[in-house]
């Protein structure tokens, strides 16, 4: 599957992406900004993960490409068809391309896909308190702060708050006009 924007393309993960993904997962700077667990991933572990990718349920992963270069990933997960909701996460793994508008375009494309194609009603995201670029991105794209999970994430021997964001379909539609 491919989703085309003005400057970026979202596409399914392919075997050729494994080394890029592994480097991104193992990057300490990227890991510092993400909520999930970030332990070192070997090439063998990455290949095994890729083999099992087709068995994932309630999750859609896309690579983010500009021209012929891959710059990151965007994931819709915890897709709940009954309650019409899902969570979203974005990682731009190419440092030189951060703050160039690619995250904004990616988020708008994935929101359009989630609301128009999947017919979801609510998209949410969780951001570490100190991840200012992600906080700004979600606000810029119309997300609202729902609350704070105090000292919810343990990283680097400290507890951090988790900021909870969400956007409803009608808010997205109002923001798109």
N, C-alpha and C. Protein backbone atom coordinates (compact mmCIF):
# COMPACT_ATOMS: atom_id res chain seq x y z
N UNK A 1 0.84 -1.17 0.00
CA UNK A 1 0.00 0.00 0.00
C UNK A 1 0.89 1.25 0.00
N UNK A 2 0.46 2.26 -0.73
CA UNK A 2 1.18 3.54 -0.78
C UNK A 2 0.20 4.68 -0.58
N UNK A 3 0.66 5.67 0.16
CA UNK A 3 -0.10 6.90 0.36
C UNK A 3 0.83 8.03 -0.07
N UNK A 4 0.41 8.79 -1.04
CA UNK A 4 1.26 9.84 -1.61
C UNK A 4 0.84 11.21 -1.11
N UNK A 5 1.81 11.99 -0.65
CA UNK A 5 1.59 13.37 -0.28
C UNK A 5 2.30 14.28 -1.26
N UNK A 6 2.44 15.55 -0.89
CA UNK A 6 3.15 16.50 -1.76
C UNK A 6 4.65 16.21 -1.81
N UNK A 7 5.23 15.95 -0.64
CA UNK A 7 6.67 15.74 -0.56
C UNK A 7 7.07 14.35 -0.10
N UNK A 8 6.13 13.63 0.48
CA UNK A 8 6.47 12.32 1.03
C UNK A 8 5.54 11.24 0.51
N UNK A 9 6.00 10.02 0.68
CA UNK A 9 5.20 8.84 0.35
C UNK A 9 5.27 7.92 1.56
N UNK A 10 4.12 7.37 1.94
CA UNK A 10 4.07 6.35 2.97
C UNK A 10 3.89 5.02 2.26
N UNK A 11 4.67 4.03 2.65
CA UNK A 11 4.61 2.72 2.00
C UNK A 11 4.85 1.63 3.02
N UNK A 12 4.48 0.42 2.63
CA UNK A 12 4.69 -0.74 3.50
C UNK A 12 6.18 -1.00 3.72
N UNK A 13 6.48 -1.63 4.83
CA UNK A 13 7.85 -2.02 5.15
C UNK A 13 8.27 -3.16 4.22
N UNK A 14 9.49 -3.05 3.70
CA UNK A 14 10.06 -4.08 2.84
C UNK A 14 11.36 -4.58 3.46
N UNK A 15 11.82 -5.70 2.99
CA UNK A 15 13.05 -6.29 3.54
C UNK A 15 14.23 -5.32 3.43
N UNK A 16 14.25 -4.52 2.36
CA UNK A 16 15.36 -3.57 2.17
C UNK A 16 15.42 -2.51 3.28
N UNK A 17 14.34 -2.37 4.07
CA UNK A 17 14.28 -1.36 5.13
C UNK A 17 14.85 -1.83 6.46
N UNK A 18 15.17 -3.10 6.56
CA UNK A 18 15.54 -3.67 7.86
C UNK A 18 16.74 -2.99 8.49
N UNK A 19 17.78 -2.72 7.73
CA UNK A 19 18.97 -2.10 8.31
C UNK A 19 18.67 -0.68 8.77
N UNK A 20 17.93 0.08 7.99
CA UNK A 20 17.52 1.44 8.40
C UNK A 20 16.74 1.37 9.71
N UNK A 21 15.77 0.46 9.79
CA UNK A 21 14.95 0.32 11.00
C UNK A 21 15.80 -0.08 12.20
N UNK A 22 16.72 -1.00 11.99
CA UNK A 22 17.59 -1.46 13.08
C UNK A 22 18.46 -0.32 13.58
N UNK A 23 19.01 0.46 12.66
CA UNK A 23 19.83 1.60 13.08
C UNK A 23 19.00 2.63 13.84
N UNK A 24 17.77 2.84 13.39
CA UNK A 24 16.90 3.80 14.06
C UNK A 24 16.56 3.32 15.48
N UNK A 25 16.25 2.03 15.62
CA UNK A 25 15.92 1.47 16.93
C UNK A 25 17.12 1.55 17.86
N UNK A 26 18.31 1.33 17.33
CA UNK A 26 19.51 1.32 18.15
C UNK A 26 20.11 2.70 18.38
N UNK A 27 19.55 3.73 17.78
CA UNK A 27 20.05 5.10 17.93
C UNK A 27 19.66 5.64 19.30
N UNK A 28 20.65 5.99 20.11
CA UNK A 28 20.39 6.45 21.48
C UNK A 28 19.61 7.77 21.53
N UNK A 29 19.84 8.66 20.59
CA UNK A 29 19.12 9.94 20.57
C UNK A 29 17.64 9.74 20.25
N UNK A 30 17.35 8.86 19.30
CA UNK A 30 15.96 8.57 18.96
C UNK A 30 15.30 7.84 20.13
N UNK A 31 16.00 6.88 20.69
CA UNK A 31 15.47 6.10 21.81
C UNK A 31 15.11 6.99 22.99
N UNK A 32 15.93 7.99 23.22
CA UNK A 32 15.69 8.92 24.33
C UNK A 32 14.35 9.64 24.19
N UNK A 33 13.91 9.85 22.96
CA UNK A 33 12.69 10.63 22.71
C UNK A 33 11.43 9.77 22.57
N UNK A 34 11.57 8.45 22.62
CA UNK A 34 10.42 7.58 22.42
C UNK A 34 9.96 6.94 23.72
N UNK A 35 8.69 6.59 23.74
CA UNK A 35 8.08 6.01 24.94
C UNK A 35 8.49 4.56 25.13
N UNK A 36 8.54 3.81 24.05
CA UNK A 36 8.77 2.36 24.13
C UNK A 36 10.15 1.97 24.63
N UNK A 37 10.26 0.68 24.95
CA UNK A 37 11.52 0.11 25.40
C UNK A 37 12.50 0.10 24.23
N UNK A 38 13.73 0.44 24.51
CA UNK A 38 14.72 0.52 23.44
C UNK A 38 15.96 -0.28 23.83
N UNK A 39 15.92 -1.56 23.58
CA UNK A 39 17.10 -2.37 23.81
C UNK A 39 17.75 -2.65 22.46
N UNK A 40 19.02 -2.95 22.50
CA UNK A 40 19.77 -3.19 21.27
C UNK A 40 19.16 -4.34 20.48
N UNK A 41 19.03 -4.16 19.17
CA UNK A 41 18.48 -5.16 18.27
C UNK A 41 19.58 -5.62 17.31
N UNK A 42 19.80 -6.92 17.25
CA UNK A 42 20.80 -7.47 16.33
C UNK A 42 20.17 -7.66 14.95
N UNK A 43 21.01 -7.93 13.94
CA UNK A 43 20.50 -8.20 12.59
C UNK A 43 19.62 -9.44 12.58
N UNK A 44 19.99 -10.45 13.35
CA UNK A 44 19.19 -11.67 13.41
C UNK A 44 17.82 -11.40 14.03
N UNK A 45 17.79 -10.63 15.11
CA UNK A 45 16.52 -10.29 15.75
C UNK A 45 15.64 -9.49 14.79
N UNK A 46 16.26 -8.59 14.05
CA UNK A 46 15.51 -7.77 13.10
C UNK A 46 14.89 -8.63 12.00
N UNK A 47 15.64 -9.60 11.49
CA UNK A 47 15.12 -10.50 10.46
C UNK A 47 13.96 -11.34 10.99
N UNK A 48 14.08 -11.81 12.23
CA UNK A 48 13.01 -12.60 12.85
C UNK A 48 11.75 -11.73 13.02
N UNK A 49 11.93 -10.51 13.45
CA UNK A 49 10.81 -9.57 13.60
C UNK A 49 10.10 -9.38 12.26
N UNK A 50 10.88 -9.20 11.20
CA UNK A 50 10.30 -8.98 9.87
C UNK A 50 9.48 -10.19 9.42
N UNK A 51 9.98 -11.40 9.71
CA UNK A 51 9.25 -12.62 9.34
C UNK A 51 7.88 -12.67 10.02
N UNK A 52 7.81 -12.16 11.24
CA UNK A 52 6.56 -12.21 12.01
C UNK A 52 5.66 -11.00 11.78
N UNK A 53 6.11 -10.06 10.99
CA UNK A 53 5.36 -8.81 10.77
C UNK A 53 3.96 -9.06 10.22
N UNK A 54 3.84 -10.02 9.33
CA UNK A 54 2.53 -10.28 8.70
C UNK A 54 1.50 -10.80 9.70
N UNK A 55 1.96 -11.29 10.87
CA UNK A 55 1.05 -11.80 11.89
C UNK A 55 0.55 -10.74 12.86
N UNK A 56 1.06 -9.51 12.72
CA UNK A 56 0.62 -8.44 13.62
C UNK A 56 -0.85 -8.12 13.38
N UNK A 57 -1.53 -7.91 14.46
CA UNK A 57 -2.94 -7.53 14.38
C UNK A 57 -3.11 -6.14 14.97
N UNK A 58 -4.08 -5.43 14.47
CA UNK A 58 -4.42 -4.10 15.00
C UNK A 58 -3.27 -3.10 14.91
N UNK A 59 -2.43 -3.27 13.89
CA UNK A 59 -1.29 -2.37 13.73
C UNK A 59 -0.98 -2.22 12.25
N UNK A 60 -0.76 -0.98 11.81
CA UNK A 60 -0.37 -0.71 10.43
C UNK A 60 0.89 0.14 10.47
N UNK A 61 1.94 -0.36 9.83
CA UNK A 61 3.23 0.34 9.82
C UNK A 61 3.53 0.85 8.42
N UNK A 62 4.05 2.06 8.35
CA UNK A 62 4.49 2.63 7.07
C UNK A 62 5.90 3.17 7.20
N UNK A 63 6.65 3.06 6.12
CA UNK A 63 7.92 3.76 6.00
C UNK A 63 7.60 5.14 5.42
N UNK A 64 8.39 6.12 5.78
CA UNK A 64 8.24 7.48 5.27
C UNK A 64 9.38 7.71 4.28
N UNK A 65 9.03 8.01 3.04
CA UNK A 65 10.02 8.27 1.99
C UNK A 65 9.88 9.69 1.47
N UNK A 66 11.01 10.32 1.19
CA UNK A 66 11.03 11.54 0.39
C UNK A 66 11.90 11.22 -0.82
N UNK A 67 11.35 11.45 -1.98
CA UNK A 67 12.00 11.04 -3.23
C UNK A 67 12.38 9.57 -3.10
N UNK A 68 13.65 9.24 -3.20
CA UNK A 68 14.07 7.84 -3.10
C UNK A 68 14.71 7.52 -1.75
N UNK A 69 14.61 8.44 -0.80
CA UNK A 69 15.23 8.24 0.51
C UNK A 69 14.20 7.95 1.58
N UNK A 70 14.49 6.97 2.42
CA UNK A 70 13.65 6.65 3.56
C UNK A 70 14.12 7.48 4.74
N UNK A 71 13.16 8.13 5.43
CA UNK A 71 13.55 9.01 6.54
C UNK A 71 12.95 8.61 7.88
N UNK A 72 11.99 7.67 7.90
CA UNK A 72 11.41 7.30 9.18
C UNK A 72 10.23 6.36 9.05
N UNK A 73 9.45 6.30 10.14
CA UNK A 73 8.29 5.42 10.19
C UNK A 73 7.11 6.14 10.83
N UNK A 74 5.93 5.68 10.48
CA UNK A 74 4.70 6.12 11.16
C UNK A 74 3.87 4.86 11.37
N UNK A 75 3.29 4.75 12.56
CA UNK A 75 2.56 3.54 12.93
C UNK A 75 1.20 3.91 13.51
N UNK A 76 0.18 3.26 13.01
CA UNK A 76 -1.14 3.27 13.65
C UNK A 76 -1.24 1.94 14.38
N UNK A 77 -1.45 1.98 15.69
CA UNK A 77 -1.53 0.73 16.43
C UNK A 77 -2.66 0.78 17.45
N UNK A 78 -2.87 -0.34 18.11
CA UNK A 78 -4.00 -0.47 19.02
C UNK A 78 -5.29 -0.10 18.31
N UNK A 79 -5.38 -0.49 17.03
CA UNK A 79 -6.57 -0.17 16.25
C UNK A 79 -7.75 -0.94 16.84
N UNK A 80 -8.73 -0.18 17.27
CA UNK A 80 -9.91 -0.72 17.93
C UNK A 80 -11.10 -0.40 17.04
N UNK A 81 -11.51 -1.39 16.23
CA UNK A 81 -12.60 -1.17 15.26
C UNK A 81 -13.93 -0.94 15.95
N UNK A 82 -14.16 -1.59 17.09
CA UNK A 82 -15.42 -1.42 17.81
C UNK A 82 -15.59 0.02 18.29
N UNK A 83 -14.55 0.55 18.91
CA UNK A 83 -14.61 1.90 19.47
C UNK A 83 -14.06 2.96 18.52
N UNK A 84 -13.64 2.53 17.32
CA UNK A 84 -13.21 3.44 16.25
C UNK A 84 -12.05 4.35 16.68
N UNK A 85 -11.01 3.75 17.25
CA UNK A 85 -9.87 4.54 17.69
C UNK A 85 -8.56 3.79 17.46
N UNK A 86 -7.47 4.55 17.47
CA UNK A 86 -6.13 3.98 17.34
C UNK A 86 -5.12 4.99 17.87
N UNK A 87 -3.93 4.50 18.17
CA UNK A 87 -2.84 5.40 18.56
C UNK A 87 -1.91 5.59 17.36
N UNK A 88 -1.17 6.69 17.38
CA UNK A 88 -0.24 6.98 16.30
C UNK A 88 1.12 7.33 16.89
N UNK A 89 2.18 6.92 16.18
CA UNK A 89 3.54 7.34 16.56
C UNK A 89 4.35 7.56 15.30
N UNK A 90 5.23 8.53 15.39
CA UNK A 90 6.08 8.90 14.24
C UNK A 90 7.53 8.95 14.72
N UNK A 91 8.42 8.43 13.89
CA UNK A 91 9.86 8.57 14.14
C UNK A 91 10.51 9.03 12.85
N UNK A 92 11.20 10.15 12.93
CA UNK A 92 12.05 10.60 11.82
C UNK A 92 13.46 10.20 12.22
N UNK A 93 14.05 9.29 11.46
CA UNK A 93 15.34 8.74 11.83
C UNK A 93 16.52 9.38 11.13
N UNK A 94 16.25 10.34 10.28
CA UNK A 94 17.33 11.04 9.58
C UNK A 94 17.43 12.44 10.17
N UNK A 95 18.43 12.63 11.03
CA UNK A 95 18.53 13.86 11.83
C UNK A 95 18.52 15.14 11.00
N UNK A 96 19.19 15.13 9.84
CA UNK A 96 19.29 16.34 9.01
C UNK A 96 17.92 16.76 8.46
N UNK A 97 16.97 15.85 8.45
CA UNK A 97 15.66 16.14 7.86
C UNK A 97 14.58 16.45 8.88
N UNK A 98 14.97 16.56 10.14
CA UNK A 98 14.00 16.96 11.16
C UNK A 98 13.74 18.45 11.03
N UNK A 99 12.56 18.88 11.45
CA UNK A 99 12.15 20.29 11.40
C UNK A 99 12.08 20.84 9.98
N UNK A 100 11.72 19.99 9.04
CA UNK A 100 11.57 20.42 7.65
C UNK A 100 10.12 20.29 7.17
N UNK A 101 9.21 19.94 8.09
CA UNK A 101 7.80 19.80 7.73
C UNK A 101 7.39 18.39 7.35
N UNK A 102 8.32 17.44 7.33
CA UNK A 102 7.99 16.08 6.93
C UNK A 102 7.12 15.38 7.98
N UNK A 103 7.37 15.66 9.25
CA UNK A 103 6.53 15.10 10.31
C UNK A 103 5.11 15.59 10.21
N UNK A 104 4.95 16.88 9.93
CA UNK A 104 3.61 17.46 9.79
C UNK A 104 2.88 16.83 8.62
N UNK A 105 3.54 16.73 7.48
CA UNK A 105 2.90 16.13 6.31
C UNK A 105 2.57 14.66 6.57
N UNK A 106 3.47 13.94 7.22
CA UNK A 106 3.23 12.54 7.55
C UNK A 106 2.02 12.40 8.45
N UNK A 107 1.95 13.21 9.50
CA UNK A 107 0.84 13.11 10.44
C UNK A 107 -0.48 13.44 9.76
N UNK A 108 -0.48 14.45 8.91
CA UNK A 108 -1.72 14.79 8.20
C UNK A 108 -2.15 13.66 7.25
N UNK A 109 -1.19 13.03 6.58
CA UNK A 109 -1.52 11.91 5.69
C UNK A 109 -2.08 10.72 6.46
N UNK A 110 -1.46 10.39 7.59
CA UNK A 110 -1.91 9.23 8.35
C UNK A 110 -3.26 9.51 9.01
N UNK A 111 -3.50 10.76 9.40
CA UNK A 111 -4.82 11.12 9.95
C UNK A 111 -5.89 10.98 8.87
N UNK A 112 -5.60 11.46 7.69
CA UNK A 112 -6.55 11.33 6.58
C UNK A 112 -6.86 9.85 6.33
N UNK A 113 -5.82 9.03 6.31
CA UNK A 113 -6.00 7.59 6.10
C UNK A 113 -6.85 6.99 7.23
N UNK A 114 -6.54 7.34 8.47
CA UNK A 114 -7.25 6.78 9.62
C UNK A 114 -8.72 7.18 9.63
N UNK A 115 -8.98 8.46 9.36
CA UNK A 115 -10.36 8.94 9.43
C UNK A 115 -11.17 8.61 8.17
N UNK A 116 -10.57 8.73 7.02
CA UNK A 116 -11.31 8.54 5.77
C UNK A 116 -11.35 7.09 5.30
N UNK A 117 -10.23 6.39 5.38
CA UNK A 117 -10.18 5.01 4.88
C UNK A 117 -10.60 3.99 5.94
N UNK A 118 -10.05 4.15 7.14
CA UNK A 118 -10.36 3.20 8.21
C UNK A 118 -11.64 3.56 8.96
N UNK A 119 -12.14 4.76 8.72
CA UNK A 119 -13.38 5.23 9.34
C UNK A 119 -13.29 5.28 10.87
N UNK A 120 -12.12 5.68 11.37
CA UNK A 120 -11.94 5.82 12.81
C UNK A 120 -12.52 7.16 13.28
N UNK A 121 -12.75 7.26 14.56
CA UNK A 121 -13.34 8.46 15.15
C UNK A 121 -12.34 9.24 16.01
N UNK A 122 -11.34 8.54 16.55
CA UNK A 122 -10.41 9.16 17.50
C UNK A 122 -9.02 8.58 17.30
N UNK A 123 -8.02 9.48 17.26
CA UNK A 123 -6.61 9.08 17.20
C UNK A 123 -5.92 9.70 18.40
N UNK A 124 -5.09 8.92 19.06
CA UNK A 124 -4.40 9.44 20.25
C UNK A 124 -2.90 9.14 20.16
N UNK A 125 -2.16 9.88 20.97
CA UNK A 125 -0.71 9.73 21.00
C UNK A 125 -0.22 10.03 22.41
N UNK A 126 0.87 9.40 22.79
CA UNK A 126 1.51 9.65 24.07
C UNK A 126 2.92 10.14 23.82
N UNK A 127 3.29 11.23 24.50
CA UNK A 127 4.58 11.87 24.25
C UNK A 127 5.29 12.10 25.59
N UNK A 128 6.57 11.80 25.63
CA UNK A 128 7.36 12.08 26.83
C UNK A 128 7.39 13.58 27.09
N UNK A 129 7.33 13.96 28.35
CA UNK A 129 7.21 15.36 28.74
C UNK A 129 8.29 16.25 28.13
N UNK A 130 9.49 15.74 27.94
CA UNK A 130 10.60 16.56 27.44
C UNK A 130 10.73 16.52 25.91
N UNK A 131 9.86 15.79 25.23
CA UNK A 131 9.95 15.70 23.77
C UNK A 131 9.18 16.87 23.14
N UNK A 132 9.78 18.02 23.22
CA UNK A 132 9.14 19.25 22.73
C UNK A 132 8.80 19.21 21.23
N UNK A 133 9.68 18.68 20.36
CA UNK A 133 9.31 18.63 18.94
C UNK A 133 8.03 17.84 18.68
N UNK A 134 7.85 16.71 19.35
CA UNK A 134 6.63 15.92 19.16
C UNK A 134 5.42 16.64 19.74
N UNK A 135 5.59 17.26 20.89
CA UNK A 135 4.48 18.00 21.49
C UNK A 135 4.00 19.09 20.53
N UNK A 136 4.94 19.83 19.95
CA UNK A 136 4.59 20.90 19.01
C UNK A 136 3.91 20.34 17.76
N UNK A 137 4.41 19.21 17.26
CA UNK A 137 3.84 18.58 16.07
C UNK A 137 2.38 18.22 16.28
N UNK A 138 2.07 17.57 17.38
CA UNK A 138 0.69 17.15 17.61
C UNK A 138 -0.24 18.34 17.79
N UNK A 139 0.21 19.37 18.49
CA UNK A 139 -0.62 20.57 18.65
C UNK A 139 -0.82 21.25 17.29
N UNK A 140 0.24 21.35 16.50
CA UNK A 140 0.15 21.97 15.18
C UNK A 140 -0.87 21.26 14.29
N UNK A 141 -1.00 19.96 14.45
CA UNK A 141 -1.92 19.17 13.62
C UNK A 141 -3.30 19.03 14.25
N UNK A 142 -3.59 19.80 15.29
CA UNK A 142 -4.94 19.86 15.84
C UNK A 142 -5.23 18.96 17.02
N UNK A 143 -4.23 18.24 17.51
CA UNK A 143 -4.44 17.40 18.69
C UNK A 143 -4.62 18.26 19.93
N UNK A 144 -5.38 17.76 20.88
CA UNK A 144 -5.60 18.42 22.16
C UNK A 144 -4.92 17.60 23.25
N UNK A 145 -4.42 18.30 24.27
CA UNK A 145 -3.87 17.60 25.43
C UNK A 145 -5.04 17.09 26.25
N UNK A 146 -5.04 15.79 26.52
CA UNK A 146 -6.10 15.17 27.32
C UNK A 146 -5.73 15.08 28.78
N UNK A 147 -4.46 14.94 29.03
CA UNK A 147 -4.04 14.79 30.41
C UNK A 147 -2.59 14.38 30.51
N UNK A 148 -2.20 14.09 31.72
CA UNK A 148 -0.82 13.73 32.00
C UNK A 148 -0.83 12.48 32.88
N UNK A 149 -0.06 11.50 32.47
CA UNK A 149 0.18 10.35 33.33
C UNK A 149 1.48 10.66 34.08
N UNK A 150 1.34 11.00 35.33
CA UNK A 150 2.49 11.46 36.10
C UNK A 150 3.49 10.33 36.36
N UNK A 151 4.76 10.65 36.14
CA UNK A 151 5.87 9.73 36.38
C UNK A 151 5.55 8.33 35.87
N UNK A 152 5.11 8.26 34.64
CA UNK A 152 4.62 7.02 34.05
C UNK A 152 5.70 6.22 33.32
N UNK A 153 6.74 6.87 32.86
CA UNK A 153 7.78 6.20 32.06
C UNK A 153 9.12 6.31 32.79
N UNK A 154 9.79 5.18 32.91
CA UNK A 154 11.10 5.11 33.55
C UNK A 154 12.16 4.97 32.48
N UNK A 155 12.99 5.99 32.33
CA UNK A 155 14.08 6.00 31.35
C UNK A 155 15.29 6.66 31.99
N UNK A 156 16.44 6.16 31.67
CA UNK A 156 17.70 6.76 32.14
C UNK A 156 17.69 6.98 33.65
N UNK A 157 17.15 6.00 34.37
CA UNK A 157 17.15 5.99 35.83
C UNK A 157 16.30 7.11 36.45
N UNK A 158 15.31 7.60 35.67
CA UNK A 158 14.39 8.61 36.18
C UNK A 158 12.98 8.33 35.68
N UNK A 159 12.00 8.84 36.43
CA UNK A 159 10.61 8.76 36.00
C UNK A 159 10.22 10.04 35.28
N UNK A 160 9.42 9.90 34.21
CA UNK A 160 8.98 11.05 33.44
C UNK A 160 7.47 10.99 33.23
N UNK A 161 6.88 12.17 33.10
CA UNK A 161 5.45 12.26 32.79
C UNK A 161 5.23 11.91 31.32
N UNK A 162 4.04 11.39 31.06
CA UNK A 162 3.60 11.08 29.70
C UNK A 162 2.43 12.00 29.38
N UNK A 163 2.58 12.81 28.34
CA UNK A 163 1.53 13.73 27.92
C UNK A 163 0.63 12.99 26.94
N UNK A 164 -0.67 13.00 27.21
CA UNK A 164 -1.63 12.29 26.36
C UNK A 164 -2.33 13.30 25.45
N UNK A 165 -2.29 13.03 24.15
CA UNK A 165 -2.91 13.87 23.12
C UNK A 165 -3.97 13.07 22.40
N UNK A 166 -4.98 13.76 21.84
CA UNK A 166 -5.93 13.09 20.95
C UNK A 166 -6.54 14.11 20.00
N UNK A 167 -7.10 13.56 18.92
CA UNK A 167 -7.85 14.37 17.97
C UNK A 167 -9.06 13.53 17.53
N UNK A 168 -10.20 14.18 17.44
CA UNK A 168 -11.42 13.53 16.97
C UNK A 168 -11.60 13.83 15.50
N UNK A 169 -12.37 13.01 14.82
CA UNK A 169 -12.57 13.19 13.38
C UNK A 169 -13.10 14.58 13.06
N UNK A 170 -14.07 15.08 13.81
CA UNK A 170 -14.62 16.41 13.51
C UNK A 170 -13.59 17.51 13.74
N UNK A 171 -12.71 17.35 14.71
CA UNK A 171 -11.64 18.33 14.93
C UNK A 171 -10.66 18.30 13.76
N UNK A 172 -10.35 17.11 13.28
CA UNK A 172 -9.48 16.96 12.13
C UNK A 172 -10.09 17.64 10.92
N UNK A 173 -11.39 17.40 10.67
CA UNK A 173 -12.07 17.99 9.53
C UNK A 173 -12.11 19.52 9.63
N UNK A 174 -12.34 20.04 10.83
CA UNK A 174 -12.35 21.50 11.04
C UNK A 174 -10.95 22.09 10.84
N UNK A 175 -9.93 21.35 11.27
CA UNK A 175 -8.54 21.80 11.16
C UNK A 175 -8.06 21.74 9.72
N UNK A 176 -8.61 20.81 8.92
CA UNK A 176 -8.19 20.62 7.53
C UNK A 176 -8.72 21.74 6.63
N UNK A 177 -9.78 22.41 7.05
CA UNK A 177 -10.37 23.48 6.21
C UNK A 177 -9.72 24.81 6.44
